[in-house]
PDB file of all heavy atoms in Angstrom:
ATOM      1  N   LEU A   1      15.497  -4.616 -24.560  1.00  0.00           N
ATOM      2  CA  LEU A   1      14.266  -3.842 -24.410  1.00  0.00           C
ATOM      3  C   LEU A   1      14.122  -3.379 -22.966  1.00  0.00           C
ATOM      4  O   LEU A   1      14.493  -4.104 -22.038  1.00  0.00           O
ATOM      5  CB  LEU A   1      13.046  -4.693 -24.756  1.00  0.00           C
ATOM      6  CG  LEU A   1      12.946  -5.225 -26.180  1.00  0.00           C
ATOM      7  CD1 LEU A   1      11.943  -6.358 -26.244  1.00  0.00           C
ATOM      8  CD2 LEU A   1      12.538  -4.100 -27.114  1.00  0.00           C
ATOM      9  N   VAL A   2      13.567  -2.192 -22.794  1.00  0.00           N
ATOM     10  CA  VAL A   2      13.243  -1.661 -21.478  1.00  0.00           C
ATOM     11  C   VAL A   2      11.862  -1.024 -21.563  1.00  0.00           C
ATOM     12  O   VAL A   2      11.566  -0.302 -22.520  1.00  0.00           O
ATOM     13  CB  VAL A   2      14.267  -0.595 -21.008  1.00  0.00           C
ATOM     14  CG1 VAL A   2      13.843   0.021 -19.689  1.00  0.00           C
ATOM     15  CG2 VAL A   2      15.644  -1.191 -20.893  1.00  0.00           C
ATOM     16  N   VAL A   3      11.025  -1.289 -20.569  1.00  0.00           N
ATOM     17  CA  VAL A   3       9.713  -0.652 -20.461  1.00  0.00           C
ATOM     18  C   VAL A   3       9.643   0.036 -19.108  1.00  0.00           C
ATOM     19  O   VAL A   3       9.984  -0.563 -18.086  1.00  0.00           O
ATOM     20  CB  VAL A   3       8.562  -1.683 -20.577  1.00  0.00           C
ATOM     21  CG1 VAL A   3       7.218  -1.024 -20.312  1.00  0.00           C
ATOM     22  CG2 VAL A   3       8.567  -2.342 -21.946  1.00  0.00           C
ATOM     23  N   MET A   4       9.211   1.297 -19.116  1.00  0.00           N
ATOM     24  CA  MET A   4       9.016   2.047 -17.885  1.00  0.00           C
ATOM     25  C   MET A   4       7.602   2.616 -17.879  1.00  0.00           C
ATOM     26  O   MET A   4       7.133   3.112 -18.914  1.00  0.00           O
ATOM     27  CB  MET A   4      10.037   3.165 -17.762  1.00  0.00           C
ATOM     28  CG  MET A   4      11.452   2.633 -17.550  1.00  0.00           C
ATOM     29  SD  MET A   4      12.704   3.915 -17.627  1.00  0.00           S
ATOM     30  CE  MET A   4      12.908   4.036 -19.391  1.00  0.00           C
ATOM     31  N   VAL A   5       6.933   2.532 -16.745  1.00  0.00           N
ATOM     32  CA  VAL A   5       5.563   3.018 -16.588  1.00  0.00           C
ATOM     33  C   VAL A   5       5.522   3.873 -15.329  1.00  0.00           C
ATOM     34  O   VAL A   5       6.049   3.462 -14.283  1.00  0.00           O
ATOM     35  CB  VAL A   5       4.567   1.840 -16.460  1.00  0.00           C
ATOM     36  CG1 VAL A   5       3.151   2.347 -16.266  1.00  0.00           C
ATOM     37  CG2 VAL A   5       4.644   0.932 -17.686  1.00  0.00           C
ATOM     38  N   THR A   6       4.911   5.035 -15.428  1.00  0.00           N
ATOM     39  CA  THR A   6       4.812   5.900 -14.250  1.00  0.00           C
ATOM     40  C   THR A   6       3.885   5.247 -13.214  1.00  0.00           C
ATOM     41  O   THR A   6       2.948   4.522 -13.572  1.00  0.00           O
ATOM     42  CB  THR A   6       4.304   7.304 -14.617  1.00  0.00           C
ATOM     43  OG1 THR A   6       3.060   7.195 -15.305  1.00  0.00           O
ATOM     44  CG2 THR A   6       5.312   8.044 -15.480  1.00  0.00           C
ATOM     45  N   PRO A   7       4.156   5.478 -11.941  1.00  0.00           N
ATOM     46  CA  PRO A   7       3.396   4.820 -10.869  1.00  0.00           C
ATOM     47  C   PRO A   7       1.881   5.007 -10.947  1.00  0.00           C
ATOM     48  O   PRO A   7       1.133   4.114 -10.548  1.00  0.00           O
ATOM     49  CB  PRO A   7       3.956   5.449  -9.591  1.00  0.00           C
ATOM     50  CG  PRO A   7       5.347   5.845  -9.950  1.00  0.00           C
ATOM     51  CD  PRO A   7       5.261   6.279 -11.404  1.00  0.00           C
ATOM     52  N   ASP A   8       1.415   6.120 -11.471  1.00  0.00           N
ATOM     53  CA  ASP A   8      -0.031   6.346 -11.535  1.00  0.00           C
ATOM     54  C   ASP A   8      -0.734   5.436 -12.542  1.00  0.00           C
ATOM     55  O   ASP A   8      -1.955   5.323 -12.525  1.00  0.00           O
ATOM     56  CB  ASP A   8      -0.333   7.811 -11.855  1.00  0.00           C
ATOM     57  CG  ASP A   8       0.194   8.242 -13.208  1.00  0.00           C
ATOM     58  OD1 ASP A   8       1.405   8.040 -13.465  1.00  0.00           O
ATOM     59  OD2 ASP A   8      -0.578   8.792 -14.006  1.00  0.00           O
ATOM     60  N   LEU A   9       0.008   4.759 -13.402  1.00  0.00           N
ATOM     61  CA  LEU A   9      -0.588   3.884 -14.420  1.00  0.00           C
ATOM     62  C   LEU A   9      -0.389   2.396 -14.152  1.00  0.00           C
ATOM     63  O   LEU A   9      -0.997   1.569 -14.832  1.00  0.00           O
ATOM     64  CB  LEU A   9      -0.006   4.209 -15.800  1.00  0.00           C
ATOM     65  CG  LEU A   9      -0.270   5.599 -16.350  1.00  0.00           C
ATOM     66  CD1 LEU A   9       0.443   5.783 -17.682  1.00  0.00           C
ATOM     67  CD2 LEU A   9      -1.765   5.837 -16.505  1.00  0.00           C
ATOM     68  N   THR A  10       0.458   2.046 -13.193  1.00  0.00           N
ATOM     69  CA  THR A  10       0.816   0.639 -13.027  1.00  0.00           C
ATOM     70  C   THR A  10      -0.345  -0.263 -12.628  1.00  0.00           C
ATOM     71  O   THR A  10      -0.273  -1.467 -12.825  1.00  0.00           O
ATOM     72  CB  THR A  10       1.963   0.458 -12.017  1.00  0.00           C
ATOM     73  OG1 THR A  10       1.586   1.035 -10.772  1.00  0.00           O
ATOM     74  CG2 THR A  10       3.247   1.076 -12.536  1.00  0.00           C
ATOM     75  N   ASP A  11      -1.413   0.293 -12.087  1.00  0.00           N
ATOM     76  CA  ASP A  11      -2.568  -0.551 -11.767  1.00  0.00           C
ATOM     77  C   ASP A  11      -3.303  -0.999 -13.036  1.00  0.00           C
ATOM     78  O   ASP A  11      -4.013  -1.997 -13.026  1.00  0.00           O
ATOM     79  CB  ASP A  11      -3.525   0.163 -10.810  1.00  0.00           C
ATOM     80  CG  ASP A  11      -4.110   1.431 -11.388  1.00  0.00           C
ATOM     81  OD1 ASP A  11      -3.425   2.104 -12.185  1.00  0.00           O
ATOM     82  OD2 ASP A  11      -5.256   1.770 -11.027  1.00  0.00           O
ATOM     83  N   ARG A  12      -3.106  -0.292 -14.137  1.00  0.00           N
ATOM     84  CA  ARG A  12      -3.734  -0.644 -15.423  1.00  0.00           C
ATOM     85  C   ARG A  12      -2.739  -1.181 -16.431  1.00  0.00           C
ATOM     86  O   ARG A  12      -3.070  -2.055 -17.235  1.00  0.00           O
ATOM     87  CB  ARG A  12      -4.431   0.581 -16.021  1.00  0.00           C
ATOM     88  CG  ARG A  12      -5.612   1.041 -15.197  1.00  0.00           C
ATOM     89  CD  ARG A  12      -6.195   2.299 -15.759  1.00  0.00           C
ATOM     90  NE  ARG A  12      -5.295   3.398 -15.349  1.00  0.00           N
ATOM     91  CZ  ARG A  12      -5.284   4.586 -15.884  1.00  0.00           C
ATOM     92  NH1 ARG A  12      -6.083   4.874 -16.871  1.00  0.00           N
ATOM     93  NH2 ARG A  12      -4.465   5.512 -15.445  1.00  0.00           N
ATOM     94  N   ILE A  13      -1.529  -0.645 -16.439  1.00  0.00           N
ATOM     95  CA  ILE A  13      -0.491  -1.042 -17.402  1.00  0.00           C
ATOM     96  C   ILE A  13       0.797  -1.287 -16.611  1.00  0.00           C
ATOM     97  O   ILE A  13       1.469  -0.341 -16.216  1.00  0.00           O
ATOM     98  CB  ILE A  13      -0.255   0.064 -18.451  1.00  0.00           C
ATOM     99  CG1 ILE A  13      -1.535   0.395 -19.181  1.00  0.00           C
ATOM    100  CG2 ILE A  13       0.840  -0.364 -19.425  1.00  0.00           C
ATOM    101  CD1 ILE A  13      -1.449   1.639 -20.052  1.00  0.00           C
ATOM    102  N   ALA A  14       1.117  -2.539 -16.370  1.00  0.00           N
ATOM    103  CA  ALA A  14       2.332  -2.878 -15.629  1.00  0.00           C
ATOM    104  C   ALA A  14       3.462  -3.162 -16.615  1.00  0.00           C
ATOM    105  O   ALA A  14       3.267  -3.858 -17.610  1.00  0.00           O
ATOM    106  CB  ALA A  14       2.094  -4.082 -14.736  1.00  0.00           C
ATOM    107  N   ALA A  15       4.627  -2.618 -16.347  1.00  0.00           N
ATOM    108  CA  ALA A  15       5.778  -2.811 -17.234  1.00  0.00           C
ATOM    109  C   ALA A  15       6.122  -4.282 -17.395  1.00  0.00           C
ATOM    110  O   ALA A  15       6.420  -4.744 -18.503  1.00  0.00           O
ATOM    111  CB  ALA A  15       6.981  -2.043 -16.694  1.00  0.00           C
ATOM    112  N   ASN A  16       6.064  -5.041 -16.298  1.00  0.00           N
ATOM    113  CA  ASN A  16       6.412  -6.455 -16.380  1.00  0.00           C
ATOM    114  C   ASN A  16       5.401  -7.261 -17.196  1.00  0.00           C
ATOM    115  O   ASN A  16       5.754  -8.273 -17.788  1.00  0.00           O
ATOM    116  CB  ASN A  16       6.616  -7.060 -14.992  1.00  0.00           C
ATOM    117  CG  ASN A  16       5.466  -6.834 -14.046  1.00  0.00           C
ATOM    118  OD1 ASN A  16       4.534  -6.086 -14.333  1.00  0.00           O
ATOM    119  ND2 ASN A  16       5.541  -7.454 -12.890  1.00  0.00           N
ATOM    120  N   GLY A  17       4.176  -6.826 -17.268  1.00  0.00           N
ATOM    121  CA  GLY A  17       3.180  -7.485 -18.117  1.00  0.00           C
ATOM    122  C   GLY A  17       3.277  -7.053 -19.568  1.00  0.00           C
ATOM    123  O   GLY A  17       3.017  -7.833 -20.484  1.00  0.00           O
ATOM    124  N   LEU A  18       3.665  -5.820 -19.787  1.00  0.00           N
ATOM    125  CA  LEU A  18       3.763  -5.281 -21.139  1.00  0.00           C
ATOM    126  C   LEU A  18       4.987  -5.809 -21.876  1.00  0.00           C
ATOM    127  O   LEU A  18       4.948  -6.049 -23.079  1.00  0.00           O
ATOM    128  CB  LEU A  18       3.800  -3.745 -21.070  1.00  0.00           C
ATOM    129  CG  LEU A  18       3.770  -2.960 -22.368  1.00  0.00           C
ATOM    130  CD1 LEU A  18       2.525  -3.311 -23.191  1.00  0.00           C
ATOM    131  CD2 LEU A  18       3.799  -1.474 -22.078  1.00  0.00           C
ATOM    132  N   ILE A  19       6.068  -6.044 -21.168  1.00  0.00           N
ATOM    133  CA  ILE A  19       7.305  -6.422 -21.851  1.00  0.00           C
ATOM    134  C   ILE A  19       7.276  -7.853 -22.394  1.00  0.00           C
ATOM    135  O   ILE A  19       7.903  -8.140 -23.412  1.00  0.00           O
ATOM    136  CB  ILE A  19       8.540  -6.199 -20.951  1.00  0.00           C
ATOM    137  CG1 ILE A  19       9.776  -6.080 -21.834  1.00  0.00           C
ATOM    138  CG2 ILE A  19       8.688  -7.300 -19.921  1.00  0.00           C
ATOM    139  CD1 ILE A  19      10.903  -5.327 -21.238  1.00  0.00           C
ATOM    140  N   ARG A  20       6.529  -8.735 -21.768  1.00  0.00           N
ATOM    141  CA  ARG A  20       6.532 -10.138 -22.203  1.00  0.00           C
ATOM    142  C   ARG A  20       6.092 -10.327 -23.649  1.00  0.00           C
ATOM    143  O   ARG A  20       6.802 -10.971 -24.423  1.00  0.00           O
ATOM    144  CB  ARG A  20       5.700 -10.983 -21.247  1.00  0.00           C
ATOM    145  CG  ARG A  20       6.382 -11.165 -19.913  1.00  0.00           C
ATOM    146  CD  ARG A  20       5.579 -12.086 -18.991  1.00  0.00           C
ATOM    147  NE  ARG A  20       6.091 -11.952 -17.638  1.00  0.00           N
ATOM    148  CZ  ARG A  20       5.472 -11.297 -16.675  1.00  0.00           C
ATOM    149  NH1 ARG A  20       4.303 -10.733 -16.884  1.00  0.00           N
ATOM    150  NH2 ARG A  20       6.002 -11.216 -15.478  1.00  0.00           N
ATOM    151  N   PRO A  21       4.937  -9.800 -24.061  1.00  0.00           N
ATOM    152  CA  PRO A  21       4.541  -9.999 -25.469  1.00  0.00           C
ATOM    153  C   PRO A  21       5.458  -9.271 -26.455  1.00  0.00           C
ATOM    154  O   PRO A  21       5.645  -9.730 -27.586  1.00  0.00           O
ATOM    155  CB  PRO A  21       3.115  -9.469 -25.538  1.00  0.00           C
ATOM    156  CG  PRO A  21       2.930  -8.628 -24.326  1.00  0.00           C
ATOM    157  CD  PRO A  21       3.881  -9.145 -23.299  1.00  0.00           C
ATOM    158  N   ILE A  22       6.041  -8.162 -26.040  1.00  0.00           N
ATOM    159  CA  ILE A  22       6.982  -7.447 -26.911  1.00  0.00           C
ATOM    160  C   ILE A  22       8.233  -8.296 -27.114  1.00  0.00           C
ATOM    161  O   ILE A  22       8.721  -8.462 -28.234  1.00  0.00           O
ATOM    162  CB  ILE A  22       7.357  -6.071 -26.301  1.00  0.00           C
ATOM    163  CG1 ILE A  22       6.118  -5.201 -26.124  1.00  0.00           C
ATOM    164  CG2 ILE A  22       8.381  -5.361 -27.169  1.00  0.00           C
ATOM    165  CD1 ILE A  22       6.356  -3.980 -25.258  1.00  0.00           C
ATOM    166  N   ALA A  23       8.744  -8.858 -26.032  1.00  0.00           N
ATOM    167  CA  ALA A  23       9.955  -9.679 -26.100  1.00  0.00           C
ATOM    168  C   ALA A  23       9.739 -10.947 -26.918  1.00  0.00           C
ATOM    169  O   ALA A  23      10.646 -11.397 -27.619  1.00  0.00           O
ATOM    170  CB  ALA A  23      10.426 -10.031 -24.695  1.00  0.00           C
ATOM    171  N   ARG A  24       8.547 -11.530 -26.842  1.00  0.00           N
ATOM    172  CA  ARG A  24       8.266 -12.741 -27.629  1.00  0.00           C
ATOM    173  C   ARG A  24       8.444 -12.492 -29.123  1.00  0.00           C
ATOM    174  O   ARG A  24       8.893 -13.362 -29.856  1.00  0.00           O
ATOM    175  CB  ARG A  24       6.865 -13.257 -27.340  1.00  0.00           C
ATOM    176  CG  ARG A  24       6.784 -14.097 -26.082  1.00  0.00           C
ATOM    177  CD  ARG A  24       5.484 -14.878 -25.994  1.00  0.00           C
ATOM    178  NE  ARG A  24       4.311 -14.046 -25.847  1.00  0.00           N
ATOM    179  CZ  ARG A  24       3.793 -13.660 -24.693  1.00  0.00           C
ATOM    180  NH1 ARG A  24       4.348 -14.036 -23.559  1.00  0.00           N
ATOM    181  NH2 ARG A  24       2.715 -12.911 -24.645  1.00  0.00           N
ATOM    182  N   ILE A  25       8.104 -11.301 -29.577  1.00  0.00           N
ATOM    183  CA  ILE A  25       8.226 -10.980 -31.005  1.00  0.00           C
ATOM    184  C   ILE A  25       9.679 -11.065 -31.460  1.00  0.00           C
ATOM    185  O   ILE A  25       9.957 -11.510 -32.572  1.00  0.00           O
ATOM    186  CB  ILE A  25       7.626  -9.586 -31.310  1.00  0.00           C
ATOM    187  CG1 ILE A  25       6.117  -9.614 -31.069  1.00  0.00           C
ATOM    188  CG2 ILE A  25       7.952  -9.154 -32.740  1.00  0.00           C
ATOM    189  CD1 ILE A  25       5.451  -8.255 -31.135  1.00  0.00           C
ATOM    190  N   VAL A  26      10.616 -10.677 -30.608  1.00  0.00           N
ATOM    191  CA  VAL A  26      12.034 -10.706 -30.970  1.00  0.00           C
ATOM    192  C   VAL A  26      12.733 -11.977 -30.482  1.00  0.00           C
ATOM    193  O   VAL A  26      13.953 -12.050 -30.428  1.00  0.00           O
ATOM    194  CB  VAL A  26      12.792  -9.444 -30.481  1.00  0.00           C
ATOM    195  CG1 VAL A  26      12.301  -8.210 -31.203  1.00  0.00           C
ATOM    196  CG2 VAL A  26      12.690  -9.287 -28.970  1.00  0.00           C
ATOM    197  N   GLY A  27      11.929 -12.981 -30.129  1.00  0.00           N
ATOM    198  CA  GLY A  27      12.484 -14.261 -29.745  1.00  0.00           C
ATOM    199  C   GLY A  27      13.125 -14.292 -28.380  1.00  0.00           C
ATOM    200  O   GLY A  27      14.127 -14.963 -28.172  1.00  0.00           O
ATOM    201  N   GLY A  28      12.525 -13.587 -27.439  1.00  0.00           N
ATOM    202  CA  GLY A  28      13.116 -13.536 -26.114  1.00  0.00           C
ATOM    203  C   GLY A  28      12.089 -13.513 -25.017  1.00  0.00           C
ATOM    204  O   GLY A  28      10.911 -13.812 -25.224  1.00  0.00           O
ATOM    205  N   GLY A  29      12.533 -13.126 -23.855  1.00  0.00           N
ATOM    206  CA  GLY A  29      11.684 -13.030 -22.689  1.00  0.00           C
ATOM    207  C   GLY A  29      12.285 -12.047 -21.715  1.00  0.00           C
ATOM    208  O   GLY A  29      13.411 -11.593 -21.882  1.00  0.00           O
ATOM    209  N   GLY A  30      11.509 -11.749 -20.695  1.00  0.00           N
ATOM    210  CA  GLY A  30      11.991 -10.815 -19.701  1.00  0.00           C
ATOM    211  C   GLY A  30      11.004 -10.651 -18.582  1.00  0.00           C
ATOM    212  O   GLY A  30       9.997 -11.342 -18.514  1.00  0.00           O
ATOM    213  N   GLY A  31      11.287  -9.721 -17.708  1.00  0.00           N
ATOM    214  CA  GLY A  31      10.416  -9.459 -16.580  1.00  0.00           C
ATOM    215  C   GLY A  31      10.927  -8.274 -15.794  1.00  0.00           C
ATOM    216  O   GLY A  31      11.833  -7.567 -16.223  1.00  0.00           O
ATOM    217  N   GLY A  32      10.335  -8.087 -14.647  1.00  0.00           N
ATOM    218  CA  GLY A  32      10.734  -6.970 -13.801  1.00  0.00           C
ATOM    219  C   GLY A  32       9.627  -6.578 -12.862  1.00  0.00           C
ATOM    220  O   GLY A  32       8.817  -7.407 -12.452  1.00  0.00           O
ATOM    221  N   ARG A  33       9.566  -5.319 -12.567  1.00  0.00           N
ATOM    222  CA  ARG A  33       8.578  -4.764 -11.646  1.00  0.00           C
ATOM    223  C   ARG A  33       7.497  -4.021 -12.435  1.00  0.00           C
ATOM    224  O   ARG A  33       7.679  -3.730 -13.605  1.00  0.00           O
ATOM    225  CB  ARG A  33       9.271  -3.803 -10.682  1.00  0.00           C
ATOM    226  CG  ARG A  33      10.374  -4.464  -9.854  1.00  0.00           C
ATOM    227  CD  ARG A  33      11.055  -3.483  -8.904  1.00  0.00           C
ATOM    228  NE  ARG A  33      11.363  -2.177  -9.497  1.00  0.00           N
ATOM    229  CZ  ARG A  33      12.456  -1.884 -10.187  1.00  0.00           C
ATOM    230  NH1 ARG A  33      13.358  -2.806 -10.430  1.00  0.00           N
ATOM    231  NH2 ARG A  33      12.644  -0.669 -10.661  1.00  0.00           N
ATOM    232  N   PRO A  34       6.394  -3.664 -11.779  1.00  0.00           N
ATOM    233  CA  PRO A  34       5.339  -2.918 -12.472  1.00  0.00           C
ATOM    234  C   PRO A  34       5.816  -1.580 -13.046  1.00  0.00           C
ATOM    235  O   PRO A  34       5.297  -1.129 -14.065  1.00  0.00           O
ATOM    236  CB  PRO A  34       4.281  -2.691 -11.392  1.00  0.00           C
ATOM    237  CG  PRO A  34       4.471  -3.825 -10.438  1.00  0.00           C
ATOM    238  CD  PRO A  34       5.967  -4.078 -10.433  1.00  0.00           C
ATOM    239  N   GLU A  35       6.829  -0.953 -12.428  1.00  0.00           N
ATOM    240  CA  GLU A  35       7.325   0.341 -12.903  1.00  0.00           C
ATOM    241  C   GLU A  35       8.411   0.218 -13.973  1.00  0.00           C
ATOM    242  O   GLU A  35       8.588   1.123 -14.773  1.00  0.00           O
ATOM    243  CB  GLU A  35       7.893   1.171 -11.744  1.00  0.00           C
ATOM    244  CG  GLU A  35       6.932   1.459 -10.638  1.00  0.00           C
ATOM    245  CD  GLU A  35       6.878   0.331  -9.609  1.00  0.00           C
ATOM    246  OE1 GLU A  35       7.805  -0.499  -9.546  1.00  0.00           O
ATOM    247  OE2 GLU A  35       5.884   0.266  -8.867  1.00  0.00           O
TER     248      GLU A  35
END
């Protein structure tokens, strides 16, 4: 899985926060930067 968020949205929707619950559904985990 990959999540990308444009810089103008990262204060409200951070990629590293969004990917965690998505990854849990497929039995995994992950992380990264807000973008």
